Amino acid sequence: IATVRLLALSRAAVRKDLTAVRSTLSESVRLVLLLTVPSAFFLAVMAEPILALLFQHGRFHAGDTVATADALVMYCLGLPAFAAVGIFTRAFYALGDTRTPVRATFVAVGVNLALNLLFIGPLAGLGLAHRGLALATSATAVMNLAQLSWRLRARLGGIDARRMTRSLLRIVAASVITAAALAFALGALGDLTTQGVLVRLAVVAGGGVLSLGVLLVALRLLRVEELAMVGELVRAVRERLGRR
């Protein structure tokens, strides 16, 4: 999405149409949030079944699945921010500013290093262990997004933050409803780490279908307008494939 939107951002920037830049940026970020926030919730809830299906073979045991799932949950916290950073970075590129994203990256690397040292040093008493390193990565992504959005807001005179925040809250609400339904279904199934590959595959596939169904209903009930953007994207892809 970030790569495709770069062309539209660049055209608007060349015309010095900041309104179009803000509009394209807002649409892109909201679409990314719609795709990544529910995905983050899904991965967090389904971490153990998915990892057991993919990796729990040979010397990779149930305990390894649980430990890896704990790290994955922490990574999920930063997934939407990590994806949105790509959009904001492309916006700076379109405006002919390559220095700001690079500077932001250096700051992010420094923060990440500092947090890693804190979690394995002074904050080791929190008991996060390897989860702390994953949490540091997610926290850094959020911080990087915050600094890029703040600087771009000053550059453009606004980034349609209210609309993005409103959409984010609705998407999070729909994702929470979906995650709750999925967690309830998984709880009813009991411990899955000892089950065979076919059972794990069925659980993951079934969880995906259940999540998608509940999510679509929740998004429609909450009137998440970005859902129409996904439909337009799917239709555009179909038309392009049809032409080929």
Protein backbone atom coordinates (compact mmCIF):
# COMPACT_ATOMS: atom_id res chain seq x y z
CA ILE A 1 0.00 0.00 0.00
CA ALA A 2 2.82 2.38 0.91
CA THR A 3 4.57 1.72 -2.40
CA VAL A 4 1.44 2.12 -4.50
CA ARG A 5 0.38 5.31 -2.71
CA LEU A 6 3.80 6.89 -3.26
CA LEU A 7 2.83 7.77 -6.84
CA ALA A 8 -0.34 9.59 -5.78
CA LEU A 9 1.51 11.36 -2.98
CA SER A 10 4.28 12.43 -5.36
CA ARG A 11 1.83 13.80 -7.93
CA ALA A 12 0.04 15.82 -5.28
CA ALA A 13 3.34 17.08 -3.90
CA VAL A 14 4.55 18.16 -7.35
CA ARG A 15 1.33 20.17 -7.77
CA LYS A 16 1.93 21.54 -4.26
CA ASP A 17 -1.58 20.40 -3.43
CA LEU A 18 -1.20 19.83 0.30
CA THR A 19 -4.90 19.08 0.64
CA ALA A 20 -4.50 16.12 -1.72
CA VAL A 21 -1.38 15.00 0.13
CA ARG A 22 -3.25 15.03 3.44
CA SER A 23 -6.22 13.22 1.91
CA THR A 24 -4.09 10.50 0.31
CA LEU A 25 -2.07 10.08 3.49
CA SER A 26 -5.21 9.78 5.61
CA GLU A 27 -6.81 7.22 3.30
CA SER A 28 -3.63 5.16 3.16
CA VAL A 29 -3.10 5.14 6.92
CA ARG A 30 -6.73 4.27 7.63
CA LEU A 31 -6.61 1.40 5.14
CA VAL A 32 -3.40 0.09 6.71
CA LEU A 33 -4.98 0.28 10.16
CA LEU A 34 -8.01 -1.64 8.93
CA LEU A 35 -5.75 -4.43 7.68
CA THR A 36 -3.21 -4.56 10.50
CA VAL A 37 -5.15 -3.91 13.70
CA PRO A 38 -7.49 -6.91 13.27
CA SER A 39 -4.50 -8.96 12.10
CA ALA A 40 -2.59 -8.05 15.26
CA PHE A 41 -5.50 -9.12 17.47
CA PHE A 42 -5.91 -12.34 15.49
CA LEU A 43 -2.22 -13.22 15.73
CA ALA A 44 -2.16 -12.44 19.45
CA VAL A 45 -5.13 -14.69 20.24
CA MET A 46 -4.12 -17.43 17.79
CA ALA A 47 -0.40 -17.27 18.57
CA GLU A 48 -0.10 -20.72 20.12
CA PRO A 49 -2.23 -22.65 17.58
CA ILE A 50 -0.45 -20.99 14.64
CA LEU A 51 3.04 -21.54 16.04
CA ALA A 52 2.24 -25.11 17.03
CA LEU A 53 1.08 -25.78 13.48
CA LEU A 54 4.15 -24.22 11.87
CA PHE A 55 6.98 -25.14 14.21
CA GLN A 56 6.03 -27.70 16.86
CA HIS A 57 7.83 -30.63 15.28
CA GLY A 58 11.01 -32.52 16.13
CA ARG A 59 12.94 -30.68 18.84
CA PHE A 60 10.49 -27.78 18.98
CA HIS A 61 8.24 -28.76 21.89
CA ALA A 62 5.09 -27.37 23.51
CA GLY A 63 7.11 -25.25 25.91
CA ASP A 64 8.90 -23.65 22.96
CA THR A 65 5.55 -22.88 21.37
CA VAL A 66 4.36 -21.08 24.50
CA ALA A 67 7.60 -19.08 24.83
CA THR A 68 7.52 -18.06 21.16
CA ALA A 69 3.83 -17.15 21.42
CA ASP A 70 4.60 -14.82 24.32
CA ALA A 71 7.09 -12.95 22.14
CA LEU A 72 4.68 -12.87 19.19
CA VAL A 73 2.00 -11.22 21.33
CA MET A 74 4.44 -8.45 22.21
CA TYR A 75 5.33 -7.97 18.55
CA CYS A 76 1.64 -7.72 17.70
CA LEU A 77 1.38 -4.58 19.85
CA GLY A 78 3.56 -2.72 17.37
CA LEU A 79 2.36 -4.25 14.10
CA PRO A 80 -0.05 -1.43 13.10
CA ALA A 81 2.52 1.24 13.96
CA PHE A 82 5.25 -0.56 12.05
CA ALA A 83 3.04 -0.71 8.95
CA ALA A 84 1.89 2.92 9.26
CA VAL A 85 5.50 4.11 9.47
CA GLY A 86 5.91 3.02 5.84
CA ILE A 87 3.10 5.36 4.77
CA PHE A 88 4.51 8.35 6.63
CA THR A 89 8.01 7.66 5.31
CA ARG A 90 6.69 7.62 1.72
CA ALA A 91 4.91 10.92 2.37
CA PHE A 92 8.22 12.55 3.28
CA TYR A 93 9.82 11.04 0.17
CA ALA A 94 7.02 12.48 -1.96
CA LEU A 95 7.70 15.91 -0.47
CA GLY A 96 11.36 15.59 -1.40
CA ASP A 97 12.46 15.17 2.21
CA THR A 98 14.65 12.11 2.74
CA ARG A 99 16.52 13.44 5.76
CA THR A 100 13.65 13.43 8.24
CA PRO A 101 12.87 9.69 7.91
CA VAL A 102 16.59 8.87 8.22
CA ARG A 103 16.94 11.00 11.33
CA ALA A 104 13.82 9.40 12.78
CA THR A 105 15.30 5.98 12.10
CA PHE A 106 18.50 6.84 13.98
CA VAL A 107 16.43 8.03 16.94
CA ALA A 108 14.35 4.84 16.80
CA VAL A 109 17.45 2.65 16.76
CA GLY A 110 18.80 4.48 19.80
CA VAL A 111 15.51 4.11 21.68
CA ASN A 112 15.31 0.44 20.77
CA LEU A 113 18.82 -0.20 22.05
CA ALA A 114 18.12 1.69 25.26
CA LEU A 115 14.90 -0.23 25.90
CA ASN A 116 16.60 -3.56 25.21
CA LEU A 117 19.30 -2.76 27.76
CA LEU A 118 16.69 -1.64 30.28
CA PHE A 119 14.61 -4.79 29.95
CA ILE A 120 17.59 -7.10 30.39
CA GLY A 121 19.19 -4.85 33.04
CA PRO A 122 17.46 -2.49 35.50
CA LEU A 123 13.97 -3.66 34.51
CA ALA A 124 14.81 -7.36 34.49
CA GLY A 125 12.89 -7.64 37.74
CA LEU A 126 9.65 -7.25 35.77
CA GLY A 127 10.14 -10.83 34.62
CA LEU A 128 9.54 -10.11 30.96
CA ALA A 129 12.72 -11.90 29.86
CA HIS A 130 12.69 -12.39 26.05
CA ARG A 131 9.26 -10.81 25.91
CA GLY A 132 10.86 -7.53 26.94
CA LEU A 133 13.00 -7.48 23.80
CA ALA A 134 9.92 -7.98 21.63
CA LEU A 135 8.05 -5.31 23.59
CA ALA A 136 10.96 -2.91 23.04
CA THR A 137 10.62 -3.40 19.28
CA SER A 138 6.90 -2.62 19.39
CA ALA A 139 7.38 0.40 21.63
CA THR A 140 10.03 1.70 19.26
CA ALA A 141 7.67 1.36 16.30
CA VAL A 142 5.00 3.35 18.13
CA MET A 143 7.53 6.02 19.08
CA ASN A 144 8.83 6.21 15.51
CA LEU A 145 5.29 6.65 14.19
CA ALA A 146 4.65 9.38 16.76
CA GLN A 147 7.69 11.42 15.79
CA LEU A 148 7.05 11.06 12.05
CA SER A 149 3.40 12.03 12.38
CA TRP A 150 4.29 15.03 14.56
CA ARG A 151 6.87 16.30 12.08
CA LEU A 152 4.63 15.68 9.07
CA ARG A 153 1.74 17.44 10.79
CA ALA A 154 3.92 20.51 11.16
CA ARG A 155 4.99 20.22 7.52
CA LEU A 156 1.47 19.87 6.09
CA GLY A 157 -0.45 21.94 8.60
CA GLY A 158 -2.41 18.88 9.72
CA ILE A 159 -2.74 15.19 8.83
CA ASP A 160 -6.47 14.58 9.33
CA ALA A 161 -5.65 13.15 12.77
CA ARG A 162 -9.20 13.30 14.11
CA ARG A 163 -10.57 11.19 11.29
CA MET A 164 -7.75 8.67 11.61
CA THR A 165 -8.28 8.47 15.38
CA ARG A 166 -12.02 8.00 14.97
CA SER A 167 -11.47 5.19 12.47
CA LEU A 168 -8.82 3.61 14.70
CA LEU A 169 -11.16 3.52 17.69
CA ARG A 170 -13.91 1.85 15.66
CA ILE A 171 -11.50 -0.67 14.15
CA VAL A 172 -10.10 -1.49 17.60
CA ALA A 173 -13.63 -1.97 18.94
CA ALA A 174 -14.48 -4.37 16.11
CA SER A 175 -11.19 -6.19 16.64
CA VAL A 176 -11.82 -6.57 20.37
CA ILE A 177 -15.23 -8.09 19.68
CA THR A 178 -13.68 -10.49 17.18
CA ALA A 179 -10.81 -11.41 19.50
CA ALA A 180 -13.24 -12.07 22.37
CA ALA A 181 -15.33 -14.43 20.21
CA LEU A 182 -12.19 -16.20 19.02
CA ALA A 183 -10.75 -16.52 22.54
CA PHE A 184 -14.04 -17.99 23.77
CA ALA A 185 -14.02 -20.57 20.97
CA LEU A 186 -10.39 -21.50 21.68
CA GLY A 187 -11.10 -21.80 25.39
CA ALA A 188 -13.88 -24.27 24.65
CA LEU A 189 -11.46 -26.43 22.65
CA GLY A 190 -8.96 -26.75 25.50
CA ASP A 191 -5.22 -27.38 25.18
CA LEU A 192 -4.26 -27.73 21.52
CA THR A 193 -0.48 -28.01 21.85
CA THR A 194 -0.69 -31.78 22.22
CA GLN A 195 -2.96 -32.32 19.21
CA GLY A 196 -1.88 -33.59 15.80
CA VAL A 197 -1.10 -31.52 12.73
CA LEU A 198 -4.51 -32.00 11.12
CA VAL A 199 -6.31 -30.84 14.25
CA ARG A 200 -4.05 -27.79 14.49
CA LEU A 201 -4.64 -26.99 10.84
CA ALA A 202 -8.40 -27.27 11.29
CA VAL A 203 -8.30 -25.01 14.34
CA VAL A 204 -6.23 -22.34 12.59
CA ALA A 205 -8.37 -22.44 9.45
CA GLY A 206 -11.59 -22.43 11.46
CA GLY A 207 -10.32 -19.56 13.60
CA GLY A 208 -9.56 -17.58 10.47
CA VAL A 209 -13.04 -18.12 9.04
CA LEU A 210 -14.72 -17.31 12.36
CA SER A 211 -12.64 -14.18 12.84
CA LEU A 212 -13.28 -12.89 9.35
CA GLY A 213 -17.02 -13.42 9.67
CA VAL A 214 -17.34 -11.76 13.08
CA LEU A 215 -15.02 -8.93 12.04
CA LEU A 216 -17.01 -8.08 8.92
CA VAL A 217 -20.25 -7.97 10.90
CA ALA A 218 -18.68 -5.83 13.62
CA LEU A 219 -17.14 -3.42 11.11
CA ARG A 220 -20.48 -2.97 9.37
CA LEU A 221 -22.34 -2.43 12.63
CA LEU A 222 -19.78 0.16 13.72
CA ARG A 223 -19.98 1.81 10.29
CA VAL A 224 -16.29 1.66 9.53
CA GLU A 225 -16.12 3.53 6.23
CA GLU A 226 -12.71 2.11 5.33
CA LEU A 227 -14.38 -1.24 4.67
CA ALA A 228 -15.59 0.20 1.36
CA MET A 229 -11.99 1.07 0.50
CA VAL A 230 -11.07 -2.61 0.82
CA GLY A 231 -13.91 -3.51 -1.51
CA GLU A 232 -12.67 -1.00 -4.07
CA LEU A 233 -9.15 -2.38 -3.73
CA VAL A 234 -10.37 -5.94 -4.32
CA ARG A 235 -12.38 -4.87 -7.37
CA ALA A 236 -9.37 -3.04 -8.80
CA VAL A 237 -7.20 -6.12 -8.37
CA ARG A 238 -9.83 -8.31 -10.03
CA GLU A 239 -10.12 -5.94 -12.98
CA ARG A 240 -6.36 -5.86 -13.43
CA LEU A 241 -6.12 -9.65 -13.27
CA GLY A 242 -9.02 -9.92 -15.71
CA ARG A 243 -7.23 -7.71 -18.24
CA ARG A 244 -4.18 -9.98 -18.06
